[in-house]
Amino acid sequence: MKLQLLHKGLPLLLLIALALSLNINRPVASGGSSLRDKEGSLGGNGESVPIVIDSDRLEGDNEKNIVRFIGNVIAKRGDIIIHCESIFIMFDKSNKTVKELIAEGDVKITQGDRIATGDKAVFENSEEKVTLTGTPEVREGDNIIKGAKIIFFMAEDRGIVEADEHTRVNATIYFKKSTEQERE
């Protein structure tokens, strides 16, 4: 069973934030991450914001084009923070860009009141796709979406929440009253 997240809104914004936080080859606006503009950049003034990663250990292999941050990892980019046990980054040797970034072990991604959790988050740069697995859950305020796997396709601005034989898709969404209803 799949739940398509085709509306722009609550939990979908968190997945966008997750994808932007993992895409370290692109700039973000100075006020944090923002959605893409029509030119495909991330909007704002194009200022480059670095990703800062703290960990207990760093292992790198230039020949294999891989880097791994291990133990109590905290990665920050703009207003997005990723906590996990390890981050593994694979680079494309030809153009020195990130091919894939994998965050594993008690993954928690926050941006304001938006929180995504799971055991593993995988960002595939060429497909502009983020996959969250291992009891994934996305929250924004009181809104929650859960499933076996949560996939966000950044270029298409759409997401999918999948079930499996053990886990059904579950969504709890609170709708705000319209301005006219609030005045009554």
N, C-alpha and C. Protein backbone atom coordinates (compact mmCIF):
# COMPACT_ATOMS: atom_id res chain seq x y z
N MET A 1 0.84 -1.18 0.00
CA MET A 1 0.00 0.00 0.00
C MET A 1 0.89 1.24 0.00
N LYS A 2 0.58 2.21 -0.82
CA LYS A 2 1.37 3.43 -0.91
C LYS A 2 0.48 4.63 -0.69
N LEU A 3 1.02 5.64 0.00
CA LEU A 3 0.33 6.90 0.18
C LEU A 3 1.14 7.94 -0.58
N GLN A 4 0.56 8.52 -1.60
CA GLN A 4 1.24 9.55 -2.38
C GLN A 4 1.09 10.88 -1.66
N LEU A 5 2.20 11.57 -1.45
CA LEU A 5 2.18 12.88 -0.82
C LEU A 5 2.30 13.93 -1.92
N LEU A 6 1.25 14.12 -2.69
CA LEU A 6 1.32 15.01 -3.83
C LEU A 6 0.94 16.44 -3.49
N HIS A 7 0.36 16.66 -2.32
CA HIS A 7 0.00 18.02 -1.95
C HIS A 7 1.23 18.70 -1.36
N LYS A 8 1.32 19.99 -1.59
CA LYS A 8 2.39 20.75 -0.93
C LYS A 8 1.90 20.99 0.47
N GLY A 9 2.70 20.66 1.43
CA GLY A 9 2.22 20.92 2.77
C GLY A 9 3.07 20.31 3.82
N LEU A 10 2.44 19.93 4.84
CA LEU A 10 3.02 19.64 6.11
C LEU A 10 4.22 18.69 6.08
N PRO A 11 4.05 17.39 6.09
CA PRO A 11 5.19 16.50 6.17
C PRO A 11 6.07 16.54 4.92
N LEU A 12 5.51 16.88 3.78
CA LEU A 12 6.30 16.95 2.56
C LEU A 12 7.40 17.98 2.69
N LEU A 13 7.14 19.08 3.37
CA LEU A 13 8.17 20.11 3.56
C LEU A 13 9.36 19.56 4.32
N LEU A 14 9.12 18.68 5.28
CA LEU A 14 10.22 18.11 6.03
C LEU A 14 11.09 17.25 5.13
N LEU A 15 10.47 16.49 4.24
CA LEU A 15 11.26 15.67 3.33
C LEU A 15 12.07 16.54 2.40
N ILE A 16 11.52 17.66 1.98
CA ILE A 16 12.28 18.60 1.17
C ILE A 16 13.47 19.11 1.97
N ALA A 17 13.24 19.46 3.23
CA ALA A 17 14.32 19.94 4.08
C ALA A 17 15.39 18.87 4.24
N LEU A 18 14.98 17.62 4.41
CA LEU A 18 15.92 16.52 4.51
C LEU A 18 16.76 16.42 3.25
N ALA A 19 16.10 16.47 2.12
CA ALA A 19 16.82 16.36 0.86
C ALA A 19 17.80 17.51 0.68
N LEU A 20 17.39 18.71 1.02
CA LEU A 20 18.26 19.86 0.87
C LEU A 20 19.43 19.78 1.83
N SER A 21 19.19 19.26 3.02
CA SER A 21 20.28 19.17 3.99
C SER A 21 21.33 18.18 3.54
N LEU A 22 20.92 17.15 2.84
CA LEU A 22 21.87 16.14 2.40
C LEU A 22 22.56 16.52 1.10
N ASN A 23 22.00 17.43 0.33
CA ASN A 23 22.58 17.80 -0.95
C ASN A 23 23.61 18.89 -0.72
N ILE A 24 24.84 18.48 -0.39
CA ILE A 24 25.85 19.44 0.00
C ILE A 24 26.55 20.07 -1.19
N ASN A 25 26.19 19.76 -2.41
CA ASN A 25 26.81 20.36 -3.59
C ASN A 25 26.12 21.62 -4.04
N ARG A 26 25.03 22.00 -3.42
CA ARG A 26 24.26 23.16 -3.86
C ARG A 26 24.18 24.19 -2.75
N PRO A 27 24.08 25.46 -3.12
CA PRO A 27 23.96 26.50 -2.10
C PRO A 27 22.54 26.55 -1.54
N VAL A 28 22.42 27.13 -0.37
CA VAL A 28 21.10 27.42 0.19
C VAL A 28 21.03 28.91 0.46
N ALA A 29 19.81 29.40 0.57
CA ALA A 29 19.63 30.82 0.87
C ALA A 29 20.20 31.10 2.25
N SER A 30 20.57 32.33 2.50
CA SER A 30 21.22 32.67 3.76
C SER A 30 20.33 32.42 4.96
N GLY A 31 19.02 32.40 4.79
CA GLY A 31 18.11 32.17 5.90
C GLY A 31 17.84 30.71 6.14
N GLY A 32 18.60 29.80 5.54
CA GLY A 32 18.35 28.37 5.67
C GLY A 32 17.95 27.82 4.33
N SER A 33 17.43 26.61 4.32
CA SER A 33 17.09 25.99 3.04
C SER A 33 15.77 26.53 2.52
N SER A 34 15.62 26.49 1.22
CA SER A 34 14.37 26.90 0.60
C SER A 34 14.12 26.00 -0.59
N LEU A 35 12.94 26.04 -1.11
CA LEU A 35 12.63 25.22 -2.27
C LEU A 35 13.32 25.76 -3.50
N ARG A 36 13.44 24.91 -4.51
CA ARG A 36 14.10 25.30 -5.75
C ARG A 36 13.32 26.41 -6.44
N ASP A 37 14.07 27.26 -7.12
CA ASP A 37 13.39 28.22 -7.98
C ASP A 37 13.37 27.63 -9.39
N LYS A 38 12.88 28.36 -10.37
CA LYS A 38 12.71 27.82 -11.72
C LYS A 38 14.03 27.47 -12.38
N GLU A 39 15.14 28.06 -11.96
CA GLU A 39 16.43 27.75 -12.55
C GLU A 39 17.04 26.49 -11.94
N GLY A 40 16.40 25.90 -10.94
CA GLY A 40 16.91 24.67 -10.35
C GLY A 40 17.84 24.90 -9.17
N SER A 41 18.14 26.14 -8.86
CA SER A 41 18.96 26.39 -7.68
C SER A 41 18.05 26.35 -6.46
N LEU A 42 18.61 26.62 -5.32
CA LEU A 42 17.81 26.54 -4.11
C LEU A 42 17.27 27.88 -3.68
N GLY A 43 17.25 28.82 -4.57
CA GLY A 43 16.65 30.11 -4.28
C GLY A 43 17.57 31.01 -3.48
N GLY A 44 17.04 32.12 -3.07
CA GLY A 44 17.81 33.08 -2.29
C GLY A 44 18.91 33.70 -3.13
N ASN A 45 19.98 34.13 -2.46
CA ASN A 45 21.04 34.82 -3.15
C ASN A 45 22.14 33.89 -3.66
N GLY A 46 21.95 32.58 -3.54
CA GLY A 46 22.91 31.61 -4.03
C GLY A 46 24.15 31.49 -3.15
N GLU A 47 24.11 32.12 -1.98
CA GLU A 47 25.24 32.05 -1.06
C GLU A 47 25.47 30.59 -0.66
N SER A 48 26.71 30.17 -0.68
CA SER A 48 27.04 28.80 -0.32
C SER A 48 27.10 28.66 1.19
N VAL A 49 26.36 27.72 1.71
CA VAL A 49 26.35 27.44 3.14
C VAL A 49 26.99 26.07 3.33
N PRO A 50 28.05 25.99 4.13
CA PRO A 50 28.73 24.71 4.27
C PRO A 50 27.95 23.74 5.15
N ILE A 51 28.27 22.47 5.02
CA ILE A 51 27.77 21.49 5.98
C ILE A 51 28.91 21.27 6.97
N VAL A 52 28.60 21.36 8.26
CA VAL A 52 29.60 21.18 9.32
C VAL A 52 29.27 19.87 10.02
N ILE A 53 30.24 18.97 10.08
CA ILE A 53 30.00 17.64 10.65
C ILE A 53 30.97 17.41 11.81
N ASP A 54 30.41 17.07 12.98
CA ASP A 54 31.20 16.68 14.16
C ASP A 54 30.98 15.20 14.40
N SER A 55 32.04 14.48 14.75
CA SER A 55 31.92 13.05 15.05
C SER A 55 33.07 12.62 15.94
N ASP A 56 33.00 11.38 16.44
CA ASP A 56 34.08 10.83 17.26
C ASP A 56 35.26 10.40 16.40
N ARG A 57 34.99 10.06 15.13
CA ARG A 57 36.03 9.52 14.28
C ARG A 57 35.73 9.84 12.81
N LEU A 58 36.77 10.00 12.02
CA LEU A 58 36.64 10.22 10.58
C LEU A 58 37.56 9.26 9.86
N GLU A 59 37.01 8.53 8.89
CA GLU A 59 37.80 7.65 8.05
C GLU A 59 37.60 8.07 6.60
N GLY A 60 38.68 8.17 5.85
CA GLY A 60 38.58 8.54 4.45
C GLY A 60 39.50 7.70 3.61
N ASP A 61 39.09 7.46 2.37
CA ASP A 61 39.89 6.70 1.42
C ASP A 61 39.81 7.42 0.07
N ASN A 62 40.86 8.18 -0.27
CA ASN A 62 40.87 8.94 -1.52
C ASN A 62 40.81 8.05 -2.75
N GLU A 63 41.43 6.89 -2.67
CA GLU A 63 41.42 5.97 -3.81
C GLU A 63 40.01 5.46 -4.11
N LYS A 64 39.24 5.20 -3.06
CA LYS A 64 37.86 4.72 -3.23
C LYS A 64 36.85 5.85 -3.25
N ASN A 65 37.30 7.08 -3.00
CA ASN A 65 36.43 8.26 -2.97
C ASN A 65 35.31 8.13 -1.96
N ILE A 66 35.66 7.75 -0.74
CA ILE A 66 34.67 7.62 0.33
C ILE A 66 35.17 8.30 1.60
N VAL A 67 34.22 8.79 2.39
CA VAL A 67 34.48 9.36 3.70
C VAL A 67 33.40 8.85 4.63
N ARG A 68 33.79 8.51 5.85
CA ARG A 68 32.82 8.04 6.83
C ARG A 68 33.06 8.75 8.16
N PHE A 69 32.01 9.39 8.68
CA PHE A 69 32.03 10.00 10.00
C PHE A 69 31.34 9.01 10.93
N ILE A 70 32.01 8.67 12.05
CA ILE A 70 31.52 7.61 12.92
C ILE A 70 31.42 8.09 14.36
N GLY A 71 30.32 7.76 15.02
CA GLY A 71 30.13 8.01 16.44
C GLY A 71 29.60 9.38 16.77
N ASN A 72 28.41 9.40 17.33
CA ASN A 72 27.79 10.65 17.80
C ASN A 72 27.88 11.76 16.76
N VAL A 73 27.45 11.46 15.55
CA VAL A 73 27.57 12.41 14.44
C VAL A 73 26.49 13.48 14.53
N ILE A 74 26.93 14.72 14.36
CA ILE A 74 26.02 15.86 14.27
C ILE A 74 26.44 16.63 13.03
N ALA A 75 25.53 16.71 12.06
CA ALA A 75 25.79 17.45 10.83
C ALA A 75 24.83 18.62 10.78
N LYS A 76 25.36 19.82 10.49
CA LYS A 76 24.54 21.03 10.44
C LYS A 76 24.76 21.72 9.11
N ARG A 77 23.66 22.17 8.52
CA ARG A 77 23.71 23.01 7.32
C ARG A 77 22.56 23.99 7.43
N GLY A 78 22.88 25.26 7.54
CA GLY A 78 21.83 26.25 7.75
C GLY A 78 21.10 25.93 9.03
N ASP A 79 19.77 25.85 8.97
CA ASP A 79 18.97 25.56 10.17
C ASP A 79 18.59 24.08 10.27
N ILE A 80 19.24 23.23 9.47
CA ILE A 80 18.95 21.79 9.48
C ILE A 80 20.04 21.06 10.25
N ILE A 81 19.62 20.18 11.16
CA ILE A 81 20.56 19.41 11.97
C ILE A 81 20.25 17.93 11.84
N ILE A 82 21.29 17.13 11.58
CA ILE A 82 21.17 15.67 11.49
C ILE A 82 21.97 15.06 12.63
N HIS A 83 21.31 14.22 13.42
CA HIS A 83 21.98 13.44 14.46
C HIS A 83 21.91 11.98 14.02
N CYS A 84 23.02 11.25 14.12
CA CYS A 84 23.03 9.83 13.79
C CYS A 84 24.32 9.20 14.32
N GLU A 85 24.44 7.90 14.14
CA GLU A 85 25.67 7.21 14.56
C GLU A 85 26.76 7.29 13.51
N SER A 86 26.40 7.34 12.22
CA SER A 86 27.42 7.45 11.18
C SER A 86 26.85 8.08 9.91
N ILE A 87 27.74 8.76 9.18
CA ILE A 87 27.42 9.29 7.86
C ILE A 87 28.52 8.80 6.91
N PHE A 88 28.09 8.17 5.84
CA PHE A 88 28.98 7.62 4.82
C PHE A 88 28.73 8.40 3.53
N ILE A 89 29.80 8.97 2.96
CA ILE A 89 29.68 9.79 1.76
C ILE A 89 30.53 9.18 0.65
N MET A 90 29.91 8.95 -0.52
CA MET A 90 30.63 8.47 -1.70
C MET A 90 30.68 9.60 -2.72
N PHE A 91 31.90 9.87 -3.23
CA PHE A 91 32.10 10.95 -4.18
C PHE A 91 32.26 10.42 -5.60
N ASP A 92 31.90 11.23 -6.57
CA ASP A 92 32.17 10.94 -7.98
C ASP A 92 33.56 11.49 -8.27
N LYS A 93 34.48 10.60 -8.63
CA LYS A 93 35.87 10.99 -8.83
C LYS A 93 36.03 11.99 -9.97
N SER A 94 35.22 11.85 -11.03
CA SER A 94 35.39 12.70 -12.21
C SER A 94 35.06 14.16 -11.96
N ASN A 95 34.00 14.44 -11.22
CA ASN A 95 33.62 15.85 -11.00
C ASN A 95 33.62 16.25 -9.53
N LYS A 96 34.11 15.38 -8.65
CA LYS A 96 34.25 15.67 -7.22
C LYS A 96 32.94 16.11 -6.55
N THR A 97 31.84 15.51 -6.96
CA THR A 97 30.56 15.79 -6.33
C THR A 97 30.13 14.57 -5.52
N VAL A 98 29.15 14.77 -4.66
CA VAL A 98 28.63 13.68 -3.85
C VAL A 98 27.72 12.81 -4.70
N LYS A 99 27.99 11.49 -4.75
CA LYS A 99 27.13 10.54 -5.45
C LYS A 99 26.01 10.08 -4.52
N GLU A 100 26.41 9.73 -3.30
CA GLU A 100 25.44 9.20 -2.34
C GLU A 100 25.89 9.54 -0.93
N LEU A 101 24.92 9.84 -0.08
CA LEU A 101 25.19 10.11 1.32
C LEU A 101 24.24 9.23 2.13
N ILE A 102 24.80 8.50 3.09
CA ILE A 102 23.99 7.58 3.90
C ILE A 102 24.19 7.93 5.37
N ALA A 103 23.09 8.26 6.06
CA ALA A 103 23.10 8.48 7.50
C ALA A 103 22.47 7.25 8.14
N GLU A 104 23.16 6.66 9.14
CA GLU A 104 22.66 5.43 9.77
C GLU A 104 22.71 5.51 11.28
N GLY A 105 21.83 4.74 11.91
CA GLY A 105 21.82 4.60 13.36
C GLY A 105 21.11 5.74 14.07
N ASP A 106 19.89 5.50 14.49
CA ASP A 106 19.10 6.50 15.22
C ASP A 106 19.14 7.86 14.53
N VAL A 107 18.76 7.88 13.26
CA VAL A 107 18.79 9.11 12.48
C VAL A 107 17.67 10.04 12.93
N LYS A 108 18.04 11.28 13.19
CA LYS A 108 17.05 12.31 13.54
C LYS A 108 17.44 13.57 12.80
N ILE A 109 16.52 14.08 11.99
CA ILE A 109 16.76 15.28 11.21
C ILE A 109 15.75 16.32 11.67
N THR A 110 16.24 17.50 12.07
CA THR A 110 15.34 18.54 12.55
C THR A 110 15.54 19.83 11.77
N GLN A 111 14.45 20.55 11.63
CA GLN A 111 14.45 21.91 11.09
C GLN A 111 13.24 22.60 11.71
N GLY A 112 13.51 23.46 12.67
CA GLY A 112 12.40 24.10 13.38
C GLY A 112 11.57 23.05 14.10
N ASP A 113 10.24 23.06 13.86
CA ASP A 113 9.37 22.06 14.50
C ASP A 113 9.20 20.82 13.64
N ARG A 114 9.97 20.70 12.57
CA ARG A 114 9.90 19.53 11.70
C ARG A 114 10.96 18.52 12.10
N ILE A 115 10.55 17.26 12.23
CA ILE A 115 11.46 16.20 12.67
C ILE A 115 11.21 14.95 11.83
N ALA A 116 12.29 14.37 11.30
CA ALA A 116 12.21 13.08 10.61
C ALA A 116 13.12 12.12 11.36
N THR A 117 12.62 10.90 11.61
CA THR A 117 13.43 9.90 12.30
C THR A 117 13.36 8.59 11.55
N GLY A 118 14.36 7.77 11.77
CA GLY A 118 14.42 6.44 11.17
C GLY A 118 15.77 5.83 11.50
N ASP A 119 15.98 4.63 11.02
CA ASP A 119 17.27 3.98 11.25
C ASP A 119 18.28 4.35 10.18
N LYS A 120 17.77 4.76 8.99
CA LYS A 120 18.67 5.03 7.87
C LYS A 120 18.05 6.05 6.92
N ALA A 121 18.87 7.00 6.44
CA ALA A 121 18.44 7.96 5.42
C ALA A 121 19.48 7.91 4.30
N VAL A 122 19.01 7.71 3.07
CA VAL A 122 19.91 7.62 1.91
C VAL A 122 19.55 8.71 0.92
N PHE A 123 20.55 9.54 0.56
CA PHE A 123 20.37 10.54 -0.46
C PHE A 123 21.16 10.12 -1.69
N GLU A 124 20.44 9.95 -2.81
CA GLU A 124 21.06 9.61 -4.09
C GLU A 124 21.05 10.86 -4.95
N ASN A 125 22.22 11.45 -5.13
CA ASN A 125 22.33 12.75 -5.79
C ASN A 125 21.87 12.71 -7.24
N SER A 126 22.28 11.70 -8.02
CA SER A 126 21.93 11.66 -9.44
C SER A 126 20.43 11.55 -9.67
N GLU A 127 19.73 10.87 -8.78
CA GLU A 127 18.28 10.72 -8.90
C GLU A 127 17.53 11.78 -8.10
N GLU A 128 18.26 12.58 -7.33
CA GLU A 128 17.65 13.57 -6.44
C GLU A 128 16.54 12.92 -5.61
N LYS A 129 16.92 11.83 -4.95
CA LYS A 129 15.97 11.03 -4.19
C LYS A 129 16.49 10.80 -2.78
N VAL A 130 15.60 10.91 -1.79
CA VAL A 130 15.92 10.61 -0.40
C VAL A 130 15.00 9.48 0.05
N THR A 131 15.59 8.45 0.67
CA THR A 131 14.83 7.32 1.18
C THR A 131 15.10 7.17 2.67
N LEU A 132 14.03 7.18 3.46
CA LEU A 132 14.13 7.02 4.91
C LEU A 132 13.52 5.67 5.27
N THR A 133 14.28 4.81 5.98
CA THR A 133 13.82 3.46 6.34
C THR A 133 14.09 3.18 7.82
N GLY A 134 13.63 2.01 8.26
CA GLY A 134 13.83 1.62 9.65
C GLY A 134 12.89 2.37 10.58
N THR A 135 11.62 2.02 10.53
CA THR A 135 10.54 2.69 11.27
C THR A 135 10.58 4.21 11.06
N PRO A 136 10.54 4.64 9.79
CA PRO A 136 10.60 6.08 9.52
C PRO A 136 9.33 6.80 9.97
N GLU A 137 9.53 8.02 10.41
CA GLU A 137 8.43 8.85 10.86
C GLU A 137 8.77 10.29 10.53
N VAL A 138 7.79 11.01 10.03
CA VAL A 138 7.97 12.43 9.72
C VAL A 138 6.92 13.20 10.51
N ARG A 139 7.38 14.22 11.25
CA ARG A 139 6.49 15.04 12.07
C ARG A 139 6.69 16.51 11.74
N GLU A 140 5.57 17.23 11.77
CA GLU A 140 5.63 18.68 11.73
C GLU A 140 4.51 19.15 12.64
N GLY A 141 4.89 19.73 13.76
CA GLY A 141 3.89 20.07 14.77
C GLY A 141 3.21 18.79 15.24
N ASP A 142 1.88 18.77 15.17
CA ASP A 142 1.12 17.59 15.58
C ASP A 142 0.91 16.60 14.44
N ASN A 143 1.30 16.94 13.22
CA ASN A 143 1.10 16.08 12.06
C ASN A 143 2.20 15.01 12.00
N ILE A 144 1.77 13.77 11.71
CA ILE A 144 2.71 12.64 11.71
C ILE A 144 2.40 11.74 10.52
N ILE A 145 3.44 11.27 9.85
CA ILE A 145 3.30 10.24 8.82
C ILE A 145 4.31 9.15 9.13
N LYS A 146 3.84 7.89 9.11
CA LYS A 146 4.69 6.73 9.39
C LYS A 146 4.48 5.69 8.30
N GLY A 147 5.46 4.83 8.12
CA GLY A 147 5.36 3.73 7.17
C GLY A 147 6.58 2.86 7.27
N ALA A 148 6.74 1.94 6.34
CA ALA A 148 7.92 1.09 6.30
C ALA A 148 9.07 1.81 5.59
N LYS A 149 8.70 2.67 4.61
CA LYS A 149 9.70 3.41 3.84
C LYS A 149 9.08 4.72 3.39
N ILE A 150 9.84 5.80 3.51
CA ILE A 150 9.40 7.11 3.04
C ILE A 150 10.40 7.56 1.99
N ILE A 151 9.91 7.85 0.79
CA ILE A 151 10.76 8.24 -0.33
C ILE A 151 10.32 9.62 -0.81
N PHE A 152 11.31 10.50 -1.02
CA PHE A 152 11.00 11.81 -1.57
C PHE A 152 11.81 12.02 -2.84
N PHE A 153 11.12 12.40 -3.92
CA PHE A 153 11.74 12.71 -5.20
C PHE A 153 11.80 14.23 -5.32
N MET A 154 12.98 14.79 -5.06
CA MET A 154 13.14 16.24 -4.99
C MET A 154 12.79 16.94 -6.29
N ALA A 155 13.28 16.46 -7.41
CA ALA A 155 13.06 17.13 -8.69
C ALA A 155 11.59 17.16 -9.07
N GLU A 156 10.84 16.17 -8.63
CA GLU A 156 9.43 16.07 -8.97
C GLU A 156 8.53 16.64 -7.88
N ASP A 157 9.10 17.05 -6.75
CA ASP A 157 8.34 17.59 -5.64
C ASP A 157 7.20 16.66 -5.23
N ARG A 158 7.55 15.38 -5.07
CA ARG A 158 6.55 14.41 -4.64
C ARG A 158 7.19 13.37 -3.73
N GLY A 159 6.36 12.73 -2.94
CA GLY A 159 6.85 11.71 -2.03
C GLY A 159 5.92 10.51 -2.00
N ILE A 160 6.47 9.41 -1.50
CA ILE A 160 5.70 8.17 -1.37
C ILE A 160 5.99 7.59 0.01
N VAL A 161 4.95 7.14 0.68
CA VAL A 161 5.11 6.41 1.92
C VAL A 161 4.61 5.00 1.64
N GLU A 162 5.49 4.01 1.86
CA GLU A 162 5.15 2.62 1.56
C GLU A 162 4.95 1.80 2.82
N ALA A 163 4.09 0.81 2.69
CA ALA A 163 3.87 -0.17 3.75
C ALA A 163 4.64 -1.44 3.38
N ASP A 164 4.72 -2.36 4.32
CA ASP A 164 5.22 -3.70 4.02
C ASP A 164 4.34 -4.70 4.76
N GLU A 165 4.76 -5.95 4.83
CA GLU A 165 3.91 -6.96 5.44
C GLU A 165 3.73 -6.76 6.95
N HIS A 166 4.60 -5.95 7.56
CA HIS A 166 4.51 -5.73 9.00
C HIS A 166 4.04 -4.34 9.40
N THR A 167 4.16 -3.39 8.50
CA THR A 167 3.88 -1.99 8.83
C THR A 167 2.94 -1.37 7.81
N ARG A 168 1.83 -0.83 8.28
CA ARG A 168 0.91 -0.11 7.40
C ARG A 168 1.27 1.37 7.41
N VAL A 169 0.86 2.08 6.38
CA VAL A 169 1.03 3.52 6.33
C VAL A 169 0.04 4.14 7.30
N ASN A 170 0.52 5.12 8.07
CA ASN A 170 -0.34 5.79 9.04
C ASN A 170 -0.07 7.28 8.96
N ALA A 171 -1.13 8.07 8.81
CA ALA A 171 -1.01 9.53 8.76
C ALA A 171 -2.00 10.16 9.72
N THR A 172 -1.52 11.08 10.51
CA THR A 172 -2.35 11.90 11.38
C THR A 172 -2.09 13.34 10.97
N ILE A 173 -3.10 13.98 10.38
CA ILE A 173 -2.94 15.33 9.85
C ILE A 173 -4.02 16.23 10.42
N TYR A 174 -3.60 17.34 10.98
CA TYR A 174 -4.51 18.34 11.51
C TYR A 174 -4.61 19.47 10.50
N PHE A 175 -5.82 19.85 10.16
CA PHE A 175 -6.04 20.93 9.22
C PHE A 175 -6.34 22.20 9.99
N LYS A 176 -5.74 23.29 9.56
CA LYS A 176 -6.01 24.59 10.18
C LYS A 176 -7.33 25.12 9.68
N LYS A 177 -7.99 25.86 10.53
CA LYS A 177 -9.24 26.52 10.12
C LYS A 177 -8.89 27.65 9.17
N SER A 178 -9.76 27.89 8.23
CA SER A 178 -9.53 29.02 7.33
C SER A 178 -9.72 30.32 8.10
N THR A 179 -9.23 31.41 7.57
CA THR A 179 -9.30 32.71 8.24
C THR A 179 -10.75 33.10 8.53
N GLU A 180 -11.67 32.81 7.60
CA GLU A 180 -13.09 33.16 7.82
C GLU A 180 -13.66 32.37 8.98
N GLN A 181 -13.32 31.09 9.10
CA GLN A 181 -13.83 30.27 10.19
C GLN A 181 -13.29 30.75 11.53
N GLU A 182 -12.02 31.22 11.55
CA GLU A 182 -11.43 31.69 12.80
C GLU A 182 -12.11 32.97 13.29
N ARG A 183 -12.58 33.80 12.37
CA ARG A 183 -13.22 35.06 12.75
C ARG A 183 -14.62 34.84 13.32
N GLU A 184 -15.27 33.75 12.97
CA GLU A 184 -16.66 33.51 13.42
C GLU A 184 -16.74 33.15 14.88
